[in-house]
Amino acid sequence: MFVDDQMHEYSIVLALMERIEAEAAARGAVAVHRVRLRIGALSGIEPVLLESAFSLVREHTMCESATLDIERVPASWCCPRCDRSIAAGDILQCPDCNEPARLQGGDEILLEQLELEVP
């Protein structure tokens, strides 16, 4: 059973499995050996809980023996006007333009790569 803290990751894994199975079926795959994800630091996903949910959900699926690789993506900001990078920990405002910083990356959840077994 999952506790409330894990329900978010569990629902994400269920959606991920639907996508993986659709991609595998479209390519005539018989098994999935590796799943690679990019998860942003601000995505609201806890990788350890996601891995735990993946381990349970993959049973009796094409991903039963698949490994899950998670690449963590740090949050990054930039100026929307001059595109200057704003360093982590700095005030989220451009020192040149005084524009509020724009989130450039770190909120994503991406299915980056699948390693499939195709006959």
N, C-alpha and C. Protein backbone atom coordinates (compact mmCIF):
# COMPACT_ATOMS: atom_id res chain seq x y z
N MET A 1 0.83 -1.19 0.00
CA MET A 1 0.00 0.00 0.00
C MET A 1 0.87 1.25 0.00
N PHE A 2 0.35 2.29 -0.56
CA PHE A 2 1.04 3.57 -0.62
C PHE A 2 0.48 4.50 0.45
N VAL A 3 1.36 5.28 1.02
CA VAL A 3 0.90 6.34 1.91
C VAL A 3 0.67 7.58 1.05
N ASP A 4 0.03 8.60 1.62
CA ASP A 4 -0.31 9.79 0.86
C ASP A 4 0.88 10.42 0.15
N ASP A 5 2.05 10.41 0.78
CA ASP A 5 3.24 11.02 0.18
C ASP A 5 3.63 10.33 -1.12
N GLN A 6 3.28 9.07 -1.28
CA GLN A 6 3.68 8.31 -2.46
C GLN A 6 2.63 8.33 -3.56
N MET A 7 1.43 8.78 -3.29
CA MET A 7 0.36 8.73 -4.28
C MET A 7 0.68 9.56 -5.51
N HIS A 8 1.31 10.70 -5.32
CA HIS A 8 1.67 11.57 -6.44
C HIS A 8 2.61 10.83 -7.40
N GLU A 9 3.66 10.24 -6.87
CA GLU A 9 4.61 9.51 -7.70
C GLU A 9 3.97 8.28 -8.33
N TYR A 10 3.09 7.61 -7.59
CA TYR A 10 2.41 6.43 -8.12
C TYR A 10 1.57 6.80 -9.34
N SER A 11 0.82 7.90 -9.27
CA SER A 11 0.00 8.30 -10.41
C SER A 11 0.87 8.72 -11.60
N ILE A 12 2.01 9.31 -11.33
CA ILE A 12 2.93 9.66 -12.41
C ILE A 12 3.49 8.41 -13.07
N VAL A 13 3.83 7.41 -12.27
CA VAL A 13 4.34 6.16 -12.84
C VAL A 13 3.26 5.46 -13.66
N LEU A 14 2.02 5.49 -13.22
CA LEU A 14 0.94 4.88 -14.01
C LEU A 14 0.83 5.56 -15.38
N ALA A 15 0.88 6.88 -15.41
CA ALA A 15 0.83 7.61 -16.68
C ALA A 15 2.06 7.31 -17.52
N LEU A 16 3.22 7.23 -16.87
CA LEU A 16 4.47 6.91 -17.56
C LEU A 16 4.39 5.53 -18.20
N MET A 17 3.83 4.56 -17.48
CA MET A 17 3.71 3.20 -18.01
C MET A 17 2.81 3.17 -19.24
N GLU A 18 1.74 3.94 -19.22
CA GLU A 18 0.87 4.01 -20.41
C GLU A 18 1.65 4.53 -21.61
N ARG A 19 2.43 5.56 -21.39
CA ARG A 19 3.23 6.14 -22.48
C ARG A 19 4.29 5.16 -22.97
N ILE A 20 4.96 4.49 -22.04
CA ILE A 20 6.00 3.51 -22.40
C ILE A 20 5.39 2.38 -23.21
N GLU A 21 4.29 1.84 -22.76
CA GLU A 21 3.64 0.73 -23.46
C GLU A 21 3.17 1.15 -24.85
N ALA A 22 2.68 2.38 -24.99
CA ALA A 22 2.26 2.87 -26.31
C ALA A 22 3.46 3.01 -27.24
N GLU A 23 4.55 3.54 -26.73
CA GLU A 23 5.77 3.69 -27.55
C GLU A 23 6.32 2.32 -27.94
N ALA A 24 6.33 1.40 -26.99
CA ALA A 24 6.84 0.05 -27.26
C ALA A 24 5.97 -0.67 -28.29
N ALA A 25 4.66 -0.56 -28.14
CA ALA A 25 3.73 -1.21 -29.08
C ALA A 25 3.88 -0.62 -30.48
N ALA A 26 4.08 0.68 -30.57
CA ALA A 26 4.23 1.32 -31.88
C ALA A 26 5.48 0.84 -32.61
N ARG A 27 6.44 0.34 -31.87
CA ARG A 27 7.69 -0.14 -32.47
C ARG A 27 7.81 -1.66 -32.48
N GLY A 28 6.73 -2.34 -32.07
CA GLY A 28 6.72 -3.80 -32.08
C GLY A 28 7.63 -4.43 -31.04
N ALA A 29 7.90 -3.73 -29.96
CA ALA A 29 8.80 -4.23 -28.92
C ALA A 29 8.13 -5.34 -28.11
N VAL A 30 8.96 -6.25 -27.64
CA VAL A 30 8.46 -7.33 -26.78
C VAL A 30 8.85 -7.10 -25.32
N ALA A 31 9.81 -6.21 -25.09
CA ALA A 31 10.24 -5.90 -23.72
C ALA A 31 10.90 -4.52 -23.69
N VAL A 32 10.90 -3.95 -22.50
CA VAL A 32 11.60 -2.69 -22.25
C VAL A 32 12.71 -3.01 -21.27
N HIS A 33 13.93 -2.62 -21.61
CA HIS A 33 15.08 -2.92 -20.75
C HIS A 33 15.56 -1.74 -19.93
N ARG A 34 15.33 -0.53 -20.42
CA ARG A 34 15.78 0.65 -19.68
C ARG A 34 14.84 1.81 -19.97
N VAL A 35 14.56 2.58 -18.92
CA VAL A 35 13.75 3.79 -19.01
C VAL A 35 14.60 4.91 -18.44
N ARG A 36 14.77 5.96 -19.23
CA ARG A 36 15.57 7.10 -18.78
C ARG A 36 14.69 8.34 -18.70
N LEU A 37 14.67 8.96 -17.52
CA LEU A 37 13.87 10.15 -17.27
C LEU A 37 14.75 11.34 -16.91
N ARG A 38 14.27 12.54 -17.24
CA ARG A 38 14.87 13.79 -16.76
C ARG A 38 13.85 14.43 -15.85
N ILE A 39 14.25 14.65 -14.60
CA ILE A 39 13.33 15.21 -13.62
C ILE A 39 13.94 16.46 -13.02
N GLY A 40 13.23 17.56 -13.16
CA GLY A 40 13.68 18.84 -12.63
C GLY A 40 13.56 18.92 -11.12
N ALA A 41 14.46 19.68 -10.53
CA ALA A 41 14.47 19.86 -9.08
C ALA A 41 13.19 20.51 -8.57
N LEU A 42 12.51 21.28 -9.43
CA LEU A 42 11.28 21.96 -9.03
C LEU A 42 10.03 21.25 -9.56
N SER A 43 10.16 20.01 -10.00
CA SER A 43 9.04 19.28 -10.59
C SER A 43 8.04 18.77 -9.55
N GLY A 44 8.45 18.74 -8.31
CA GLY A 44 7.59 18.19 -7.26
C GLY A 44 7.66 16.68 -7.16
N ILE A 45 8.61 16.08 -7.85
CA ILE A 45 8.78 14.63 -7.86
C ILE A 45 9.93 14.26 -6.93
N GLU A 46 9.69 13.28 -6.08
CA GLU A 46 10.74 12.74 -5.21
C GLU A 46 11.27 11.47 -5.89
N PRO A 47 12.51 11.52 -6.41
CA PRO A 47 13.05 10.37 -7.17
C PRO A 47 13.00 9.04 -6.43
N VAL A 48 13.27 9.03 -5.14
CA VAL A 48 13.26 7.76 -4.39
C VAL A 48 11.86 7.17 -4.38
N LEU A 49 10.85 8.01 -4.19
CA LEU A 49 9.47 7.53 -4.20
C LEU A 49 9.05 7.09 -5.61
N LEU A 50 9.54 7.80 -6.63
CA LEU A 50 9.24 7.43 -8.01
C LEU A 50 9.84 6.06 -8.33
N GLU A 51 11.07 5.84 -7.91
CA GLU A 51 11.72 4.55 -8.14
C GLU A 51 10.97 3.43 -7.43
N SER A 52 10.51 3.68 -6.22
CA SER A 52 9.75 2.69 -5.47
C SER A 52 8.44 2.36 -6.18
N ALA A 53 7.73 3.39 -6.62
CA ALA A 53 6.48 3.17 -7.34
C ALA A 53 6.72 2.42 -8.65
N PHE A 54 7.80 2.77 -9.37
CA PHE A 54 8.13 2.10 -10.63
C PHE A 54 8.38 0.61 -10.39
N SER A 55 9.09 0.30 -9.31
CA SER A 55 9.38 -1.11 -8.99
C SER A 55 8.11 -1.93 -8.80
N LEU A 56 7.11 -1.33 -8.19
CA LEU A 56 5.85 -2.04 -7.97
C LEU A 56 4.99 -2.11 -9.23
N VAL A 57 4.89 -1.01 -9.94
CA VAL A 57 4.00 -0.94 -11.10
C VAL A 57 4.51 -1.78 -12.27
N ARG A 58 5.81 -1.92 -12.41
CA ARG A 58 6.38 -2.62 -13.57
C ARG A 58 6.13 -4.12 -13.57
N GLU A 59 5.75 -4.69 -12.42
CA GLU A 59 5.50 -6.14 -12.35
C GLU A 59 4.43 -6.53 -13.36
N HIS A 60 4.69 -7.61 -14.08
CA HIS A 60 3.76 -8.17 -15.07
C HIS A 60 3.48 -7.20 -16.23
N THR A 61 4.46 -6.35 -16.55
CA THR A 61 4.36 -5.46 -17.71
C THR A 61 5.58 -5.68 -18.58
N MET A 62 5.63 -4.96 -19.69
CA MET A 62 6.81 -5.02 -20.57
C MET A 62 8.07 -4.49 -19.88
N CYS A 63 7.89 -3.77 -18.80
CA CYS A 63 9.00 -3.15 -18.06
C CYS A 63 9.45 -3.96 -16.86
N GLU A 64 8.98 -5.20 -16.78
CA GLU A 64 9.23 -6.00 -15.58
C GLU A 64 10.71 -6.08 -15.20
N SER A 65 11.59 -6.18 -16.18
CA SER A 65 13.03 -6.26 -15.87
C SER A 65 13.78 -4.96 -16.21
N ALA A 66 13.04 -3.91 -16.48
CA ALA A 66 13.66 -2.64 -16.89
C ALA A 66 14.30 -1.92 -15.71
N THR A 67 15.39 -1.26 -16.00
CA THR A 67 16.00 -0.38 -15.01
C THR A 67 15.49 1.03 -15.26
N LEU A 68 15.43 1.80 -14.20
CA LEU A 68 14.98 3.18 -14.29
C LEU A 68 16.16 4.09 -13.97
N ASP A 69 16.54 4.90 -14.93
CA ASP A 69 17.63 5.87 -14.75
C ASP A 69 17.00 7.26 -14.67
N ILE A 70 17.33 7.97 -13.62
CA ILE A 70 16.79 9.31 -13.43
C ILE A 70 17.93 10.32 -13.44
N GLU A 71 17.82 11.27 -14.36
CA GLU A 71 18.77 12.38 -14.40
C GLU A 71 18.10 13.57 -13.74
N ARG A 72 18.70 14.07 -12.67
CA ARG A 72 18.16 15.24 -11.98
C ARG A 72 18.62 16.50 -12.71
N VAL A 73 17.70 17.42 -12.94
CA VAL A 73 17.99 18.67 -13.62
C VAL A 73 17.85 19.80 -12.60
N PRO A 74 18.93 20.54 -12.36
CA PRO A 74 18.83 21.63 -11.39
C PRO A 74 17.98 22.77 -11.94
N ALA A 75 17.40 23.53 -11.05
CA ALA A 75 16.63 24.71 -11.45
C ALA A 75 17.59 25.77 -11.99
N SER A 76 17.16 26.45 -13.04
CA SER A 76 17.97 27.55 -13.59
C SER A 76 17.04 28.66 -14.04
N TRP A 77 17.53 29.89 -13.89
CA TRP A 77 16.75 31.07 -14.24
C TRP A 77 17.56 31.96 -15.17
N CYS A 78 16.84 32.80 -15.92
CA CYS A 78 17.49 33.77 -16.80
C CYS A 78 16.62 35.01 -16.90
N CYS A 79 17.20 36.05 -17.44
CA CYS A 79 16.46 37.30 -17.68
C CYS A 79 15.66 37.15 -18.97
N PRO A 80 14.37 37.45 -18.94
CA PRO A 80 13.57 37.32 -20.16
C PRO A 80 13.90 38.38 -21.21
N ARG A 81 14.54 39.45 -20.81
CA ARG A 81 14.87 40.53 -21.73
C ARG A 81 16.24 40.31 -22.38
N CYS A 82 17.28 40.14 -21.56
CA CYS A 82 18.65 40.05 -22.11
C CYS A 82 19.19 38.63 -22.12
N ASP A 83 18.45 37.67 -21.57
CA ASP A 83 18.81 36.26 -21.54
C ASP A 83 20.02 35.96 -20.65
N ARG A 84 20.37 36.87 -19.77
CA ARG A 84 21.48 36.65 -18.84
C ARG A 84 21.08 35.57 -17.83
N SER A 85 21.98 34.64 -17.56
CA SER A 85 21.72 33.61 -16.55
C SER A 85 21.75 34.22 -15.17
N ILE A 86 20.87 33.75 -14.32
CA ILE A 86 20.82 34.17 -12.93
C ILE A 86 21.29 32.98 -12.10
N ALA A 87 22.35 33.16 -11.35
CA ALA A 87 22.95 32.05 -10.59
C ALA A 87 22.01 31.58 -9.48
N ALA A 88 22.07 30.29 -9.21
CA ALA A 88 21.29 29.72 -8.12
C ALA A 88 21.68 30.41 -6.82
N GLY A 89 20.68 30.77 -6.05
CA GLY A 89 20.92 31.44 -4.78
C GLY A 89 20.92 32.96 -4.88
N ASP A 90 21.03 33.50 -6.09
CA ASP A 90 20.98 34.95 -6.28
C ASP A 90 19.54 35.43 -6.23
N ILE A 91 19.37 36.73 -6.09
CA ILE A 91 18.05 37.33 -6.17
C ILE A 91 17.52 37.06 -7.58
N LEU A 92 16.27 36.67 -7.67
CA LEU A 92 15.69 36.31 -8.96
C LEU A 92 15.24 37.55 -9.73
N GLN A 93 16.23 38.37 -10.02
CA GLN A 93 16.03 39.61 -10.79
C GLN A 93 17.33 39.90 -11.51
N CYS A 94 17.23 40.30 -12.76
CA CYS A 94 18.41 40.59 -13.56
C CYS A 94 19.14 41.82 -12.99
N PRO A 95 20.43 41.70 -12.73
CA PRO A 95 21.18 42.84 -12.21
C PRO A 95 21.38 43.94 -13.26
N ASP A 96 21.22 43.60 -14.54
CA ASP A 96 21.40 44.58 -15.61
C ASP A 96 20.08 45.26 -15.99
N CYS A 97 19.02 44.47 -16.16
CA CYS A 97 17.74 44.98 -16.67
C CYS A 97 16.71 45.24 -15.57
N ASN A 98 16.96 44.70 -14.39
CA ASN A 98 16.01 44.76 -13.27
C ASN A 98 14.71 44.00 -13.56
N GLU A 99 14.71 43.16 -14.56
CA GLU A 99 13.54 42.34 -14.88
C GLU A 99 13.50 41.14 -13.93
N PRO A 100 12.30 40.71 -13.53
CA PRO A 100 12.20 39.48 -12.74
C PRO A 100 12.70 38.30 -13.59
N ALA A 101 13.39 37.38 -12.92
CA ALA A 101 13.95 36.22 -13.62
C ALA A 101 12.84 35.30 -14.11
N ARG A 102 13.12 34.58 -15.18
CA ARG A 102 12.21 33.59 -15.75
C ARG A 102 12.83 32.21 -15.51
N LEU A 103 12.01 31.26 -15.10
CA LEU A 103 12.49 29.90 -14.92
C LEU A 103 12.86 29.34 -16.28
N GLN A 104 14.10 28.88 -16.40
CA GLN A 104 14.61 28.38 -17.67
C GLN A 104 14.55 26.86 -17.72
N GLY A 105 14.71 26.23 -16.59
CA GLY A 105 14.70 24.77 -16.54
C GLY A 105 14.66 24.30 -15.11
N GLY A 106 14.27 23.06 -14.93
CA GLY A 106 14.25 22.49 -13.61
C GLY A 106 12.86 22.11 -13.13
N ASP A 107 11.85 22.33 -13.97
CA ASP A 107 10.49 21.94 -13.59
C ASP A 107 9.97 20.80 -14.48
N GLU A 108 10.84 20.24 -15.30
CA GLU A 108 10.40 19.26 -16.28
C GLU A 108 10.34 17.84 -15.73
N ILE A 109 9.51 17.03 -16.37
CA ILE A 109 9.44 15.58 -16.19
C ILE A 109 9.41 15.03 -17.61
N LEU A 110 10.53 14.50 -18.08
CA LEU A 110 10.63 14.07 -19.47
C LEU A 110 11.02 12.60 -19.58
N LEU A 111 10.32 11.89 -20.44
CA LEU A 111 10.72 10.55 -20.82
C LEU A 111 11.79 10.74 -21.88
N GLU A 112 13.03 10.59 -21.48
CA GLU A 112 14.17 10.92 -22.33
C GLU A 112 14.52 9.80 -23.31
N GLN A 113 14.47 8.55 -22.84
CA GLN A 113 14.92 7.45 -23.71
C GLN A 113 14.35 6.12 -23.22
N LEU A 114 14.06 5.25 -24.17
CA LEU A 114 13.65 3.88 -23.88
C LEU A 114 14.61 2.93 -24.58
N GLU A 115 15.00 1.90 -23.90
CA GLU A 115 15.79 0.83 -24.51
C GLU A 115 14.85 -0.35 -24.66
N LEU A 116 14.52 -0.67 -25.91
CA LEU A 116 13.51 -1.67 -26.23
C LEU A 116 14.13 -2.94 -26.82
N GLU A 117 13.45 -4.05 -26.62
CA GLU A 117 13.82 -5.30 -27.30
C GLU A 117 12.80 -5.50 -28.41
N VAL A 118 13.29 -5.45 -29.64
CA VAL A 118 12.43 -5.60 -30.82
C VAL A 118 12.87 -6.85 -31.56
N PRO A 119 11.95 -7.77 -31.86
CA PRO A 119 12.34 -9.00 -32.57
C PRO A 119 12.82 -8.73 -33.98
